[in-house]
Amino acid sequence: MFILIGKAIYLFIWCFLLFNLIYPYPKPANLIAYLALATFVIVHGLQTWLLSSTLSSQEKSRDRFKVLRVFIFGAFEALSWKQKKNK
C-alpha cells in the first residue's frame, strides 16, 4: 500500500512539473518548477542508470518498460521489485 501511494505521489509531481513546460506558472514559481524538474530528471536518471546496470540482458528484454518505470517512480519501483522478489 505504501509503495502504491508513493508511486501515485511521484506521478502527480511529474505531471505538476511537466505542466509548467506547457503553461508556465507565474514568475517566481516557474523558476522553482524548472529547477525542480531538472533536479528530478538528474536524480531519476542516475537512479535509472544504476538500477538498469544491475539487470541482466534477459531481464531487460523480458520487461521493456522496467527502465521507464524506474525513471518515473524512482525508489518506489525498486521497492516494488524487492517486494515481488520476496513473495
PDB file of N, CA and C in Angstrom:
ATOM      1  N   MET A   1       0.826  -1.191   0.000  1.00  0.00           N
ATOM      2  CA  MET A   1       0.000   0.000   0.000  1.00  0.00           C
ATOM      3  C   MET A   1       0.875   1.263   0.000  1.00  0.00           C
ATOM      4  N   PHE A   2       1.944   1.243   0.812  1.00  0.00           N
ATOM      5  CA  PHE A   2       2.863   2.374   0.907  1.00  0.00           C
ATOM      6  C   PHE A   2       3.516   2.648  -0.455  1.00  0.00           C
ATOM      7  N   ILE A   3       3.888   1.588  -1.152  1.00  0.00           N
ATOM      8  CA  ILE A   3       4.539   1.734  -2.454  1.00  0.00           C
ATOM      9  C   ILE A   3       3.572   2.333  -3.472  1.00  0.00           C
ATOM     10  N   LEU A   4       2.335   1.891  -3.457  1.00  0.00           N
ATOM     11  CA  LEU A   4       1.334   2.410  -4.381  1.00  0.00           C
ATOM     12  C   LEU A   4       1.060   3.897  -4.139  1.00  0.00           C
ATOM     13  N   ILE A   5       0.992   4.297  -2.883  1.00  0.00           N
ATOM     14  CA  ILE A   5       0.791   5.712  -2.556  1.00  0.00           C
ATOM     15  C   ILE A   5       1.994   6.536  -3.014  1.00  0.00           C
ATOM     16  N   GLY A   6       3.194   6.021  -2.797  1.00  0.00           N
ATOM     17  CA  GLY A   6       4.397   6.714  -3.234  1.00  0.00           C
ATOM     18  C   GLY A   6       4.453   6.874  -4.739  1.00  0.00           C
ATOM     19  N   LYS A   7       4.058   5.833  -5.463  1.00  0.00           N
ATOM     20  CA  LYS A   7       4.029   5.920  -6.927  1.00  0.00           C
ATOM     21  C   LYS A   7       3.013   6.953  -7.393  1.00  0.00           C
ATOM     22  N   ALA A   8       1.874   7.014  -6.742  1.00  0.00           N
ATOM     23  CA  ALA A   8       0.850   7.998  -7.107  1.00  0.00           C
ATOM     24  C   ALA A   8       1.348   9.418  -6.848  1.00  0.00           C
ATOM     25  N   ILE A   9       2.055   9.613  -5.747  1.00  0.00           N
ATOM     26  CA  ILE A   9       2.603  10.937  -5.439  1.00  0.00           C
ATOM     27  C   ILE A   9       3.655  11.332  -6.471  1.00  0.00           C
ATOM     28  N   TYR A  10       4.542  10.396  -6.834  1.00  0.00           N
ATOM     29  CA  TYR A  10       5.559  10.696  -7.845  1.00  0.00           C
ATOM     30  C   TYR A  10       4.912  11.026  -9.187  1.00  0.00           C
ATOM     31  N   LEU A  11       3.879  10.309  -9.557  1.00  0.00           N
ATOM     32  CA  LEU A  11       3.191  10.582 -10.815  1.00  0.00           C
ATOM     33  C   LEU A  11       2.568  11.975 -10.798  1.00  0.00           C
ATOM     34  N   PHE A  12       1.989  12.351  -9.667  1.00  0.00           N
ATOM     35  CA  PHE A  12       1.415  13.688  -9.526  1.00  0.00           C
ATOM     36  C   PHE A  12       2.501  14.756  -9.643  1.00  0.00           C
ATOM     37  N   ILE A  13       3.652  14.538  -9.008  1.00  0.00           N
ATOM     38  CA  ILE A  13       4.745  15.510  -9.070  1.00  0.00           C
ATOM     39  C   ILE A  13       5.245  15.668 -10.507  1.00  0.00           C
ATOM     40  N   TRP A  14       5.414  14.550 -11.214  1.00  0.00           N
ATOM     41  CA  TRP A  14       5.837  14.628 -12.617  1.00  0.00           C
ATOM     42  C   TRP A  14       4.835  15.441 -13.432  1.00  0.00           C
ATOM     43  N   CYS A  15       3.549  15.175 -13.260  1.00  0.00           N
ATOM     44  CA  CYS A  15       2.517  15.911 -14.009  1.00  0.00           C
ATOM     45  C   CYS A  15       2.556  17.398 -13.661  1.00  0.00           C
ATOM     46  N   PHE A  16       2.717  17.712 -12.390  1.00  0.00           N
ATOM     47  CA  PHE A  16       2.783  19.102 -11.935  1.00  0.00           C
ATOM     48  C   PHE A  16       3.971  19.826 -12.560  1.00  0.00           C
ATOM     49  N   LEU A  17       5.134  19.169 -12.586  1.00  0.00           N
ATOM     50  CA  LEU A  17       6.336  19.799 -13.130  1.00  0.00           C
ATOM     51  C   LEU A  17       6.295  19.897 -14.653  1.00  0.00           C
ATOM     52  N   LEU A  18       5.769  18.884 -15.313  1.00  0.00           N
ATOM     53  CA  LEU A  18       5.678  18.928 -16.774  1.00  0.00           C
ATOM     54  C   LEU A  18       4.608  19.904 -17.261  1.00  0.00           C
ATOM     55  N   PHE A  19       3.570  20.108 -16.460  1.00  0.00           N
ATOM     56  CA  PHE A  19       2.535  21.081 -16.800  1.00  0.00           C
ATOM     57  C   PHE A  19       3.130  22.478 -16.921  1.00  0.00           C
ATOM     58  N   ASN A  20       4.159  22.752 -16.111  1.00  0.00           N
ATOM     59  CA  ASN A  20       4.838  24.044 -16.149  1.00  0.00           C
ATOM     60  C   ASN A  20       5.506  24.289 -17.503  1.00  0.00           C
ATOM     61  N   LEU A  21       5.901  23.240 -18.194  1.00  0.00           N
ATOM     62  CA  LEU A  21       6.514  23.416 -19.508  1.00  0.00           C
ATOM     63  C   LEU A  21       5.495  23.858 -20.556  1.00  0.00           C
ATOM     64  N   ILE A  22       4.255  23.422 -20.391  1.00  0.00           N
ATOM     65  CA  ILE A  22       3.192  23.760 -21.352  1.00  0.00           C
ATOM     66  C   ILE A  22       2.562  25.113 -21.024  1.00  0.00           C
ATOM     67  N   TYR A  23       2.164  25.275 -19.780  1.00  0.00           N
ATOM     68  CA  TYR A  23       1.576  26.527 -19.299  1.00  0.00           C
ATOM     69  C   TYR A  23       2.395  27.006 -18.104  1.00  0.00           C
ATOM     70  N   PRO A  24       3.365  27.875 -18.350  1.00  0.00           N
ATOM     71  CA  PRO A  24       4.248  28.314 -17.252  1.00  0.00           C
ATOM     72  C   PRO A  24       3.478  28.979 -16.115  1.00  0.00           C
ATOM     73  N   TYR A  25       3.938  28.692 -14.904  1.00  0.00           N
ATOM     74  CA  TYR A  25       3.363  29.297 -13.709  1.00  0.00           C
ATOM     75  C   TYR A  25       3.831  30.747 -13.618  1.00  0.00           C
ATOM     76  N   PRO A  26       3.261  31.521 -12.713  1.00  0.00           N
ATOM     77  CA  PRO A  26       3.731  32.905 -12.529  1.00  0.00           C
ATOM     78  C   PRO A  26       5.226  32.950 -12.196  1.00  0.00           C
ATOM     79  N   LYS A  27       5.825  34.137 -12.342  1.00  0.00           N
ATOM     80  CA  LYS A  27       7.271  34.306 -12.407  1.00  0.00           C
ATOM     81  C   LYS A  27       8.113  33.571 -11.350  1.00  0.00           C
ATOM     82  N   PRO A  28       7.986  33.754 -10.072  1.00  0.00           N
ATOM     83  CA  PRO A  28       8.948  33.038  -9.213  1.00  0.00           C
ATOM     84  C   PRO A  28       8.671  31.536  -9.141  1.00  0.00           C
ATOM     85  N   ALA A  29       7.423  31.151  -9.303  1.00  0.00           N
ATOM     86  CA  ALA A  29       7.068  29.726  -9.190  1.00  0.00           C
ATOM     87  C   ALA A  29       7.582  28.928 -10.381  1.00  0.00           C
ATOM     88  N   ASN A  30       7.603  29.522 -11.559  1.00  0.00           N
ATOM     89  CA  ASN A  30       8.055  28.767 -12.727  1.00  0.00           C
ATOM     90  C   ASN A  30       9.551  28.474 -12.655  1.00  0.00           C
ATOM     91  N   LEU A  31      10.332  29.375 -12.097  1.00  0.00           N
ATOM     92  CA  LEU A  31      11.764  29.119 -11.943  1.00  0.00           C
ATOM     93  C   LEU A  31      12.021  27.977 -10.970  1.00  0.00           C
ATOM     94  N   ILE A  32      11.244  27.949  -9.907  1.00  0.00           N
ATOM     95  CA  ILE A  32      11.369  26.856  -8.936  1.00  0.00           C
ATOM     96  C   ILE A  32      10.947  25.540  -9.568  1.00  0.00           C
ATOM     97  N   ALA A  33       9.903  25.575 -10.372  1.00  0.00           N
ATOM     98  CA  ALA A  33       9.434  24.353 -11.042  1.00  0.00           C
ATOM     99  C   ALA A  33      10.459  23.866 -12.063  1.00  0.00           C
ATOM    100  N   TYR A  34      11.107  24.784 -12.785  1.00  0.00           N
ATOM    101  CA  TYR A  34      12.151  24.383 -13.729  1.00  0.00           C
ATOM    102  C   TYR A  34      13.328  23.745 -13.003  1.00  0.00           C
ATOM    103  N   LEU A  35      13.720  24.338 -11.903  1.00  0.00           N
ATOM    104  CA  LEU A  35      14.824  23.800 -11.116  1.00  0.00           C
ATOM    105  C   LEU A  35      14.460  22.431 -10.541  1.00  0.00           C
ATOM    106  N   ALA A  36      13.233  22.307 -10.060  1.00  0.00           N
ATOM    107  CA  ALA A  36      12.774  21.022  -9.514  1.00  0.00           C
ATOM    108  C   ALA A  36      12.725  19.953 -10.607  1.00  0.00           C
ATOM    109  N   LEU A  37      12.276  20.323 -11.791  1.00  0.00           N
ATOM    110  CA  LEU A  37      12.216  19.371 -12.900  1.00  0.00           C
ATOM    111  C   LEU A  37      13.619  18.921 -13.299  1.00  0.00           C
ATOM    112  N   ALA A  38      14.544  19.851 -13.375  1.00  0.00           N
ATOM    113  CA  ALA A  38      15.927  19.486 -13.714  1.00  0.00           C
ATOM    114  C   ALA A  38      16.523  18.566 -12.655  1.00  0.00           C
ATOM    115  N   THR A  39      16.273  18.864 -11.399  1.00  0.00           N
ATOM    116  CA  THR A  39      16.766  18.012 -10.312  1.00  0.00           C
ATOM    117  C   THR A  39      16.138  16.629 -10.380  1.00  0.00           C
ATOM    118  N   PHE A  40      14.846  16.589 -10.622  1.00  0.00           N
ATOM    119  CA  PHE A  40      14.132  15.314 -10.726  1.00  0.00           C
ATOM    120  C   PHE A  40      14.691  14.463 -11.861  1.00  0.00           C
ATOM    121  N   VAL A  41      14.919  15.092 -13.022  1.00  0.00           N
ATOM    122  CA  VAL A  41      15.436  14.354 -14.176  1.00  0.00           C
ATOM    123  C   VAL A  41      16.835  13.824 -13.893  1.00  0.00           C
ATOM    124  N   ILE A  42      17.683  14.636 -13.281  1.00  0.00           N
ATOM    125  CA  ILE A  42      19.048  14.200 -12.981  1.00  0.00           C
ATOM    126  C   ILE A  42      19.053  13.065 -11.969  1.00  0.00           C
ATOM    127  N   VAL A  43      18.320  13.230 -10.880  1.00  0.00           N
ATOM    128  CA  VAL A  43      18.305  12.200  -9.829  1.00  0.00           C
ATOM    129  C   VAL A  43      17.691  10.902 -10.344  1.00  0.00           C
ATOM    130  N   HIS A  44      16.577  10.999 -11.017  1.00  0.00           N
ATOM    131  CA  HIS A  44      15.928   9.788 -11.524  1.00  0.00           C
ATOM    132  C   HIS A  44      16.718   9.164 -12.668  1.00  0.00           C
ATOM    133  N   GLY A  45      17.406   9.997 -13.449  1.00  0.00           N
ATOM    134  CA  GLY A  45      18.266   9.463 -14.499  1.00  0.00           C
ATOM    135  C   GLY A  45      19.429   8.665 -13.921  1.00  0.00           C
ATOM    136  N   LEU A  46      20.059   9.200 -12.882  1.00  0.00           N
ATOM    137  CA  LEU A  46      21.140   8.460 -12.221  1.00  0.00           C
ATOM    138  C   LEU A  46      20.628   7.171 -11.587  1.00  0.00           C
ATOM    139  N   GLN A  47      19.476   7.262 -10.961  1.00  0.00           N
ATOM    140  CA  GLN A  47      18.884   6.079 -10.340  1.00  0.00           C
ATOM    141  C   GLN A  47      18.554   5.022 -11.396  1.00  0.00           C
ATOM    142  N   THR A  48      18.030   5.445 -12.518  1.00  0.00           N
ATOM    143  CA  THR A  48      17.718   4.521 -13.604  1.00  0.00           C
ATOM    144  C   THR A  48      18.982   3.876 -14.137  1.00  0.00           C
ATOM    145  N   TRP A  49      20.013   4.669 -14.321  1.00  0.00           N
ATOM    146  CA  TRP A  49      21.287   4.156 -14.817  1.00  0.00           C
ATOM    147  C   TRP A  49      21.867   3.123 -13.860  1.00  0.00           C
ATOM    148  N   LEU A  50      21.831   3.403 -12.561  1.00  0.00           N
ATOM    149  CA  LEU A  50      22.373   2.456 -11.580  1.00  0.00           C
ATOM    150  C   LEU A  50      21.559   1.168 -11.515  1.00  0.00           C
ATOM    151  N   LEU A  51      20.247   1.291 -11.474  1.00  0.00           N
ATOM    152  CA  LEU A  51      19.406   0.101 -11.359  1.00  0.00           C
ATOM    153  C   LEU A  51      19.370  -0.712 -12.650  1.00  0.00           C
ATOM    154  N   SER A  52      19.423  -0.037 -13.794  1.00  0.00           N
ATOM    155  CA  SER A  52      19.401  -0.798 -15.046  1.00  0.00           C
ATOM    156  C   SER A  52      20.725  -1.503 -15.301  1.00  0.00           C
ATOM    157  N   SER A  53      21.796  -0.989 -14.719  1.00  0.00           N
ATOM    158  CA  SER A  53      23.084  -1.671 -14.880  1.00  0.00           C
ATOM    159  C   SER A  53      23.133  -2.971 -14.079  1.00  0.00           C
ATOM    160  N   THR A  54      22.243  -3.116 -13.109  1.00  0.00           N
ATOM    161  CA  THR A  54      22.202  -4.363 -12.336  1.00  0.00           C
ATOM    162  C   THR A  54      21.348  -5.433 -13.011  1.00  0.00           C
ATOM    163  N   LEU A  55      20.569  -5.038 -14.025  1.00  0.00           N
ATOM    164  CA  LEU A  55      19.702  -6.001 -14.711  1.00  0.00           C
ATOM    165  C   LEU A  55      20.498  -6.771 -15.766  1.00  0.00           C
ATOM    166  N   SER A  56      20.175  -8.020 -15.908  1.00  0.00           N
ATOM    167  CA  SER A  56      20.773  -8.800 -16.986  1.00  0.00           C
ATOM    168  C   SER A  56      20.057  -8.470 -18.294  1.00  0.00           C
ATOM    169  N   SER A  57      20.669  -8.831 -19.401  1.00  0.00           N
ATOM    170  CA  SER A  57      20.036  -8.546 -20.696  1.00  0.00           C
ATOM    171  C   SER A  57      18.735  -9.332 -20.857  1.00  0.00           C
ATOM    172  N   GLN A  58      18.676 -10.501 -20.227  1.00  0.00           N
ATOM    173  CA  GLN A  58      17.448 -11.301 -20.285  1.00  0.00           C
ATOM    174  C   GLN A  58      16.319 -10.588 -19.540  1.00  0.00           C
ATOM    175  N   GLU A  59      16.631 -10.002 -18.364  1.00  0.00           N
ATOM    176  CA  GLU A  59      15.611  -9.275 -17.606  1.00  0.00           C
ATOM    177  C   GLU A  59      15.159  -8.018 -18.355  1.00  0.00           C
ATOM    178  N   LYS A  60      16.086  -7.342 -19.007  1.00  0.00           N
ATOM    179  CA  LYS A  60      15.728  -6.147 -19.770  1.00  0.00           C
ATOM    180  C   LYS A  60      14.824  -6.482 -20.949  1.00  0.00           C
ATOM    181  N   SER A  61      15.113  -7.605 -21.628  1.00  0.00           N
ATOM    182  CA  SER A  61      14.298  -7.970 -22.788  1.00  0.00           C
ATOM    183  C   SER A  61      12.935  -8.518 -22.376  1.00  0.00           C
ATOM    184  N   ARG A  62      12.862  -9.099 -21.176  1.00  0.00           N
ATOM    185  CA  ARG A  62      11.594  -9.655 -20.702  1.00  0.00           C
ATOM    186  C   ARG A  62      10.582  -8.546 -20.403  1.00  0.00           C
ATOM    187  N   ASP A  63      11.041  -7.476 -19.805  1.00  0.00           N
ATOM    188  CA  ASP A  63      10.149  -6.370 -19.468  1.00  0.00           C
ATOM    189  C   ASP A  63      10.766  -5.069 -19.974  1.00  0.00           C
ATOM    190  N   ARG A  64      10.310  -4.622 -21.138  1.00  0.00           N
ATOM    191  CA  ARG A  64      10.915  -3.473 -21.797  1.00  0.00           C
ATOM    192  C   ARG A  64      10.614  -2.151 -21.084  1.00  0.00           C
ATOM    193  N   PHE A  65       9.542  -2.076 -20.334  1.00  0.00           N
ATOM    194  CA  PHE A  65       9.164  -0.829 -19.680  1.00  0.00           C
ATOM    195  C   PHE A  65       9.712  -0.711 -18.258  1.00  0.00           C
ATOM    196  N   LYS A  66      10.512  -1.679 -17.847  1.00  0.00           N
ATOM    197  CA  LYS A  66      11.047  -1.666 -16.492  1.00  0.00           C
ATOM    198  C   LYS A  66      11.918  -0.433 -16.263  1.00  0.00           C
ATOM    199  N   VAL A  67      12.750  -0.090 -17.221  1.00  0.00           N
ATOM    200  CA  VAL A  67      13.645   1.067 -17.089  1.00  0.00           C
ATOM    201  C   VAL A  67      12.837   2.360 -17.055  1.00  0.00           C
ATOM    202  N   LEU A  68      11.804   2.451 -17.870  1.00  0.00           N
ATOM    203  CA  LEU A  68      10.945   3.634 -17.864  1.00  0.00           C
ATOM    204  C   LEU A  68      10.225   3.787 -16.532  1.00  0.00           C
ATOM    205  N   ARG A  69       9.749   2.684 -15.981  1.00  0.00           N
ATOM    206  CA  ARG A  69       9.086   2.737 -14.678  1.00  0.00           C
ATOM    207  C   ARG A  69      10.044   3.179 -13.582  1.00  0.00           C
ATOM    208  N   VAL A  70      11.298   2.756 -13.675  1.00  0.00           N
ATOM    209  CA  VAL A  70      12.288   3.201 -12.691  1.00  0.00           C
ATOM    210  C   VAL A  70      12.505   4.704 -12.825  1.00  0.00           C
ATOM    211  N   PHE A  71      12.563   5.207 -14.050  1.00  0.00           N
ATOM    212  CA  PHE A  71      12.758   6.641 -14.251  1.00  0.00           C
ATOM    213  C   PHE A  71      11.589   7.440 -13.682  1.00  0.00           C
ATOM    214  N   ILE A  72      10.382   6.969 -13.866  1.00  0.00           N
ATOM    215  CA  ILE A  72       9.215   7.721 -13.408  1.00  0.00           C
ATOM    216  C   ILE A  72       9.004   7.591 -11.903  1.00  0.00           C
ATOM    217  N   PHE A  73       9.080   6.375 -11.389  1.00  0.00           N
ATOM    218  CA  PHE A  73       8.722   6.145  -9.992  1.00  0.00           C
ATOM    219  C   PHE A  73       9.911   6.065  -9.041  1.00  0.00           C
ATOM    220  N   GLY A  74      11.111   6.006  -9.554  1.00  0.00           N
ATOM    221  CA  GLY A  74      12.306   6.063  -8.724  1.00  0.00           C
ATOM    222  C   GLY A  74      12.429   4.923  -7.737  1.00  0.00           C
ATOM    223  N   ALA A  75      12.683   5.280  -6.504  1.00  0.00           N
ATOM    224  CA  ALA A  75      12.942   4.292  -5.455  1.00  0.00           C
ATOM    225  C   ALA A  75      11.723   3.412  -5.182  1.00  0.00           C
ATOM    226  N   PHE A  76      10.543   3.926  -5.431  1.00  0.00           N
ATOM    227  CA  PHE A  76       9.349   3.119  -5.176  1.00  0.00           C
ATOM    228  C   PHE A  76       9.259   1.925  -6.125  1.00  0.00           C
ATOM    229  N   GLU A  77       9.759   2.076  -7.340  1.00  0.00           N
ATOM    230  CA  GLU A  77       9.790   0.938  -8.256  1.00  0.00           C
ATOM    231  C   GLU A  77      10.814  -0.094  -7.788  1.00  0.00           C
ATOM    232  N   ALA A  78      11.940   0.374  -7.271  1.00  0.00           N
ATOM    233  CA  ALA A  78      12.941  -0.553  -6.730  1.00  0.00           C
ATOM    234  C   ALA A  78      12.381  -1.300  -5.524  1.00  0.00           C
ATOM    235  N   LEU A  79      11.639  -0.610  -4.687  1.00  0.00           N
ATOM    236  CA  LEU A  79      10.996  -1.276  -3.547  1.00  0.00           C
ATOM    237  C   LEU A  79       9.957  -2.284  -4.024  1.00  0.00           C
ATOM    238  N   SER A  80       9.284  -1.956  -5.114  1.00  0.00           N
ATOM    239  CA  SER A  80       8.312  -2.875  -5.695  1.00  0.00           C
ATOM    240  C   SER A  80       8.999  -4.147  -6.192  1.00  0.00           C
ATOM    241  N   TRP A  81      10.196  -3.997  -6.804  1.00  0.00           N
ATOM    242  CA  TRP A  81      10.970  -5.174  -7.242  1.00  0.00           C
ATOM    243  C   TRP A  81      11.303  -6.049  -6.056  1.00  0.00           C
ATOM    244  N   LYS A  82      11.746  -5.405  -4.976  1.00  0.00           N
ATOM    245  CA  LYS A  82      12.137  -6.162  -3.776  1.00  0.00           C
ATOM    246  C   LYS A  82      10.936  -6.889  -3.190  1.00  0.00           C
ATOM    247  N   GLN A  83       9.806  -6.229  -3.173  1.00  0.00           N
ATOM    248  CA  GLN A  83       8.595  -6.844  -2.625  1.00  0.00           C
ATOM    249  C   GLN A  83       8.164  -8.036  -3.477  1.00  0.00           C
ATOM    250  N   LYS A  84       8.232  -7.912  -4.799  1.00  0.00           N
ATOM    251  CA  LYS A  84       7.860  -9.024  -5.682  1.00  0.00           C
ATOM    252  C   LYS A  84       8.844 -10.177  -5.546  1.00  0.00           C
ATOM    253  N   LYS A  85      10.108  -9.851  -5.342  1.00  0.00           N
ATOM    254  CA  LYS A  85      11.129 -10.895  -5.209  1.00  0.00           C
ATOM    255  C   LYS A  85      10.949 -11.684  -3.914  1.00  0.00           C
ATOM    256  N   ASN A  86      10.507 -11.033  -2.854  1.00  0.00           N
ATOM    257  CA  ASN A  86      10.310 -11.699  -1.571  1.00  0.00           C
ATOM    258  C   ASN A  86       9.084 -12.591  -1.547  1.00  0.00           C
ATOM    259  N   LYS A  87       8.135 -12.364  -2.458  1.00  0.00           N
ATOM    260  CA  LYS A  87       6.907 -13.168  -2.454  1.00  0.00           C
ATOM    261  C   LYS A  87       7.105 -14.493  -3.108  1.00  0.00           C
TER     262      LYS A  87
END
